[in-house]
Amino acid sequence: MSGATILILLGVAFLCFFILYLFNRADKRRALDFYKVYTPNGLQLVKKLEELFDNNEAIPWTGEIKLYQQMFNDLPKIDLDEFEKAIGIYGHVEPEGSQKSIAGEYVTILASNLAQRHTSQYSELQAIGETLRSIWNYT
């Protein structure tokens, strides 16, 4: 192979990598567009939930609502609809695939994962069949 051929191949390879880089960047930007759905307080809550998740921490079920109340002190009661309105995802179930739907699913998944960690950490473990024995009074 001549030097010119090697340079052309390197140029083509560089061009391919550059194009892939641009497409990857655009995909990441589009993927993070759902963050725009959240209210300012909602975005702060999501960032806090992400931080808890990244630090391998846990919260109980409905802990995201209680956390919101602690952070902003503006939900007088625990009500899912009011919570969703406060963070900007009310009605996120429809239409499926919309930015609001993605944002709502993201909060749900984060909170669910954190709550499952909490359950795993603080619930009593039972041996296989132990529950049945206690129901049927087996010894």
C-alpha atoms as a PDB file:
ATOM      1  CA  MET A   1       0.000   0.000   0.000  1.00  0.00           C
ATOM      2  CA  SER A   2       1.231   3.410  -0.839  1.00  0.00           C
ATOM      3  CA  GLY A   3       1.379   6.335   1.560  1.00  0.00           C
ATOM      4  CA  ALA A   4      -1.435   8.111  -0.293  1.00  0.00           C
ATOM      5  CA  THR A   5      -3.765   5.104   0.094  1.00  0.00           C
ATOM      6  CA  ILE A   6      -3.064   4.935   3.826  1.00  0.00           C
ATOM      7  CA  LEU A   7      -3.786   8.649   4.196  1.00  0.00           C
ATOM      8  CA  ILE A   8      -7.068   8.281   2.284  1.00  0.00           C
ATOM      9  CA  LEU A   9      -8.126   5.320   4.461  1.00  0.00           C
ATOM     10  CA  LEU A  10      -7.232   7.225   7.630  1.00  0.00           C
ATOM     11  CA  GLY A  11      -9.204  10.222   6.361  1.00  0.00           C
ATOM     12  CA  VAL A  12     -12.263   8.080   5.624  1.00  0.00           C
ATOM     13  CA  ALA A  13     -12.014   6.403   9.041  1.00  0.00           C
ATOM     14  CA  PHE A  14     -11.731   9.798  10.750  1.00  0.00           C
ATOM     15  CA  LEU A  15     -14.745  11.081   8.810  1.00  0.00           C
ATOM     16  CA  CYS A  16     -16.800   8.022   9.828  1.00  0.00           C
ATOM     17  CA  PHE A  17     -15.894   8.446  13.500  1.00  0.00           C
ATOM     18  CA  PHE A  18     -16.703  12.163  13.328  1.00  0.00           C
ATOM     19  CA  ILE A  19     -20.130  11.484  11.800  1.00  0.00           C
ATOM     20  CA  LEU A  20     -20.868   8.838  14.458  1.00  0.00           C
ATOM     21  CA  TYR A  21     -19.797  11.300  17.149  1.00  0.00           C
ATOM     22  CA  LEU A  22     -22.210  13.945  15.831  1.00  0.00           C
ATOM     23  CA  PHE A  23     -25.121  11.484  15.665  1.00  0.00           C
ATOM     24  CA  ASN A  24     -24.380  10.219  19.171  1.00  0.00           C
ATOM     25  CA  ARG A  25     -24.321  13.775  20.509  1.00  0.00           C
ATOM     26  CA  ALA A  26     -27.644  14.581  18.856  1.00  0.00           C
ATOM     27  CA  ASP A  27     -29.204  11.415  20.328  1.00  0.00           C
ATOM     28  CA  LYS A  28     -28.008  12.324  23.822  1.00  0.00           C
ATOM     29  CA  ARG A  29     -29.370  15.846  23.450  1.00  0.00           C
ATOM     30  CA  ARG A  30     -32.757  14.503  22.283  1.00  0.00           C
ATOM     31  CA  ALA A  31     -32.794  11.940  25.084  1.00  0.00           C
ATOM     32  CA  LEU A  32     -32.331  14.663  27.724  1.00  0.00           C
ATOM     33  CA  ASP A  33     -35.059  16.889  26.296  1.00  0.00           C
ATOM     34  CA  PHE A  34     -37.525  15.335  28.751  1.00  0.00           C
ATOM     35  CA  TYR A  35     -35.788  17.263  31.561  1.00  0.00           C
ATOM     36  CA  LYS A  36     -37.456  20.396  30.143  1.00  0.00           C
ATOM     37  CA  VAL A  37     -40.853  19.006  31.164  1.00  0.00           C
ATOM     38  CA  TYR A  38     -40.153  19.319  34.886  1.00  0.00           C
ATOM     39  CA  THR A  39     -40.940  22.420  36.868  1.00  0.00           C
ATOM     40  CA  PRO A  40     -37.894  24.043  38.519  1.00  0.00           C
ATOM     41  CA  ASN A  41     -38.741  22.256  41.785  1.00  0.00           C
ATOM     42  CA  GLY A  42     -39.439  19.049  39.892  1.00  0.00           C
ATOM     43  CA  LEU A  43     -36.041  19.182  38.230  1.00  0.00           C
ATOM     44  CA  GLN A  44     -34.353  19.681  41.605  1.00  0.00           C
ATOM     45  CA  LEU A  45     -36.238  16.659  42.936  1.00  0.00           C
ATOM     46  CA  VAL A  46     -35.199  14.510  39.955  1.00  0.00           C
ATOM     47  CA  LYS A  47     -31.567  15.535  40.425  1.00  0.00           C
ATOM     48  CA  LYS A  48     -31.840  14.604  44.124  1.00  0.00           C
ATOM     49  CA  LEU A  49     -33.363  11.203  43.249  1.00  0.00           C
ATOM     50  CA  GLU A  50     -30.548  10.620  40.755  1.00  0.00           C
ATOM     51  CA  GLU A  51     -28.010  11.535  43.429  1.00  0.00           C
ATOM     52  CA  LEU A  52     -29.586   9.088  45.884  1.00  0.00           C
ATOM     53  CA  PHE A  53     -29.569   6.388  43.216  1.00  0.00           C
ATOM     54  CA  ASP A  54     -25.943   7.046  42.263  1.00  0.00           C
ATOM     55  CA  ASN A  55     -24.890   6.946  45.937  1.00  0.00           C
ATOM     56  CA  ASN A  56     -26.641   3.590  46.420  1.00  0.00           C
ATOM     57  CA  GLU A  57     -29.100   5.058  48.920  1.00  0.00           C
ATOM     58  CA  ALA A  58     -32.744   4.128  49.411  1.00  0.00           C
ATOM     59  CA  ILE A  59     -36.114   5.715  50.190  1.00  0.00           C
ATOM     60  CA  PRO A  60     -39.369   4.021  51.225  1.00  0.00           C
ATOM     61  CA  TRP A  61     -42.374   3.687  48.930  1.00  0.00           C
ATOM     62  CA  THR A  62     -43.920   7.142  48.272  1.00  0.00           C
ATOM     63  CA  GLY A  63     -40.641   8.534  49.581  1.00  0.00           C
ATOM     64  CA  GLU A  64     -40.332  10.776  46.548  1.00  0.00           C
ATOM     65  CA  ILE A  65     -43.447  12.660  47.655  1.00  0.00           C
ATOM     66  CA  LYS A  66     -42.158  12.976  51.211  1.00  0.00           C
ATOM     67  CA  LEU A  67     -38.778  14.088  49.889  1.00  0.00           C
ATOM     68  CA  TYR A  68     -40.493  16.771  47.782  1.00  0.00           C
ATOM     69  CA  GLN A  69     -42.379  17.955  50.868  1.00  0.00           C
ATOM     70  CA  GLN A  70     -39.121  18.169  52.836  1.00  0.00           C
ATOM     71  CA  MET A  71     -37.304  19.998  50.048  1.00  0.00           C
ATOM     72  CA  PHE A  72     -39.972  22.578  49.192  1.00  0.00           C
ATOM     73  CA  ASN A  73     -42.569  22.524  51.961  1.00  0.00           C
ATOM     74  CA  ASP A  74     -45.421  23.304  49.562  1.00  0.00           C
ATOM     75  CA  LEU A  75     -47.550  20.139  49.454  1.00  0.00           C
ATOM     76  CA  PRO A  76     -49.866  20.134  52.465  1.00  0.00           C
ATOM     77  CA  LYS A  77     -50.811  16.457  52.039  1.00  0.00           C
ATOM     78  CA  ILE A  78     -49.571  13.384  50.264  1.00  0.00           C
ATOM     79  CA  ASP A  79     -51.584  13.309  47.066  1.00  0.00           C
ATOM     80  CA  LEU A  80     -50.227  11.766  43.873  1.00  0.00           C
ATOM     81  CA  ASP A  81     -52.084  14.121  41.517  1.00  0.00           C
ATOM     82  CA  GLU A  82     -50.881  17.229  43.356  1.00  0.00           C
ATOM     83  CA  PHE A  83     -47.352  15.831  43.446  1.00  0.00           C
ATOM     84  CA  GLU A  84     -47.386  15.180  39.683  1.00  0.00           C
ATOM     85  CA  LYS A  85     -48.721  18.693  39.039  1.00  0.00           C
ATOM     86  CA  ALA A  86     -46.032  20.192  41.271  1.00  0.00           C
ATOM     87  CA  ILE A  87     -43.183  18.490  39.412  1.00  0.00           C
ATOM     88  CA  GLY A  88     -44.688  18.937  35.925  1.00  0.00           C
ATOM     89  CA  ILE A  89     -45.680  15.409  34.922  1.00  0.00           C
ATOM     90  CA  TYR A  90     -49.434  15.385  35.624  1.00  0.00           C
ATOM     91  CA  GLY A  91     -51.182  13.334  32.947  1.00  0.00           C
ATOM     92  CA  HIS A  92     -47.906  11.775  31.819  1.00  0.00           C
ATOM     93  CA  VAL A  93     -49.470   8.420  30.896  1.00  0.00           C
ATOM     94  CA  GLU A  94     -50.834   9.725  27.589  1.00  0.00           C
ATOM     95  CA  PRO A  95     -49.685  10.206  24.887  1.00  0.00           C
ATOM     96  CA  GLU A  96     -47.195   7.386  25.105  1.00  0.00           C
ATOM     97  CA  GLY A  97     -43.686   8.302  23.937  1.00  0.00           C
ATOM     98  CA  SER A  98     -44.134  12.042  24.537  1.00  0.00           C
ATOM     99  CA  GLN A  99     -41.536  13.979  26.494  1.00  0.00           C
ATOM    100  CA  LYS A 100     -43.984  14.251  29.419  1.00  0.00           C
ATOM    101  CA  SER A 101     -44.557  10.488  29.332  1.00  0.00           C
ATOM    102  CA  ILE A 102     -40.809   9.832  29.328  1.00  0.00           C
ATOM    103  CA  ALA A 103     -40.293  12.295  32.197  1.00  0.00           C
ATOM    104  CA  GLY A 104     -43.066  10.671  34.233  1.00  0.00           C
ATOM    105  CA  GLU A 105     -41.769   7.162  33.614  1.00  0.00           C
ATOM    106  CA  TYR A 106     -38.267   8.291  34.593  1.00  0.00           C
ATOM    107  CA  VAL A 107     -39.431   9.579  37.993  1.00  0.00           C
ATOM    108  CA  THR A 108     -41.478   6.435  38.509  1.00  0.00           C
ATOM    109  CA  ILE A 109     -38.537   4.155  37.697  1.00  0.00           C
ATOM    110  CA  LEU A 110     -36.101   6.122  39.885  1.00  0.00           C
ATOM    111  CA  ALA A 111     -38.486   6.156  42.841  1.00  0.00           C
ATOM    112  CA  SER A 112     -39.356   2.481  42.383  1.00  0.00           C
ATOM    113  CA  ASN A 113     -35.706   1.432  42.290  1.00  0.00           C
ATOM    114  CA  LEU A 114     -34.946   3.443  45.412  1.00  0.00           C
ATOM    115  CA  ALA A 115     -37.971   1.950  47.188  1.00  0.00           C
ATOM    116  CA  GLN A 116     -36.999  -1.596  46.208  1.00  0.00           C
ATOM    117  CA  ARG A 117     -33.568  -0.958  47.699  1.00  0.00           C
ATOM    118  CA  HIS A 118     -35.270   0.235  50.877  1.00  0.00           C
ATOM    119  CA  THR A 119     -37.431  -2.884  51.034  1.00  0.00           C
ATOM    120  CA  SER A 120     -34.386  -5.098  50.487  1.00  0.00           C
ATOM    121  CA  GLN A 121     -32.436  -3.301  53.213  1.00  0.00           C
ATOM    122  CA  TYR A 122     -35.085  -3.121  55.900  1.00  0.00           C
ATOM    123  CA  SER A 123     -37.489  -6.028  55.362  1.00  0.00           C
ATOM    124  CA  GLU A 124     -37.043  -9.249  57.242  1.00  0.00           C
ATOM    125  CA  LEU A 125     -35.817 -12.097  55.086  1.00  0.00           C
ATOM    126  CA  GLN A 126     -37.704 -15.369  55.209  1.00  0.00           C
ATOM    127  CA  ALA A 127     -36.523 -18.755  54.091  1.00  0.00           C
ATOM    128  CA  ILE A 128     -38.238 -20.433  51.176  1.00  0.00           C
ATOM    129  CA  GLY A 129     -41.415 -22.034  52.466  1.00  0.00           C
ATOM    130  CA  GLU A 130     -41.268 -20.227  55.809  1.00  0.00           C
ATOM    131  CA  THR A 131     -44.292 -18.132  54.937  1.00  0.00           C
ATOM    132  CA  LEU A 132     -46.321 -21.235  54.140  1.00  0.00           C
ATOM    133  CA  ARG A 133     -45.283 -22.962  57.373  1.00  0.00           C
ATOM    134  CA  SER A 134     -46.353 -19.972  59.416  1.00  0.00           C
ATOM    135  CA  ILE A 135     -49.719 -19.883  57.622  1.00  0.00           C
ATOM    136  CA  TRP A 136     -50.334 -23.632  58.078  1.00  0.00           C
ATOM    137  CA  ASN A 137     -48.773 -23.791  61.575  1.00  0.00           C
ATOM    138  CA  TYR A 138     -46.152 -26.328  60.581  1.00  0.00           C
ATOM    139  CA  THR A 139     -43.292 -26.812  62.957  1.00  0.00           C
END
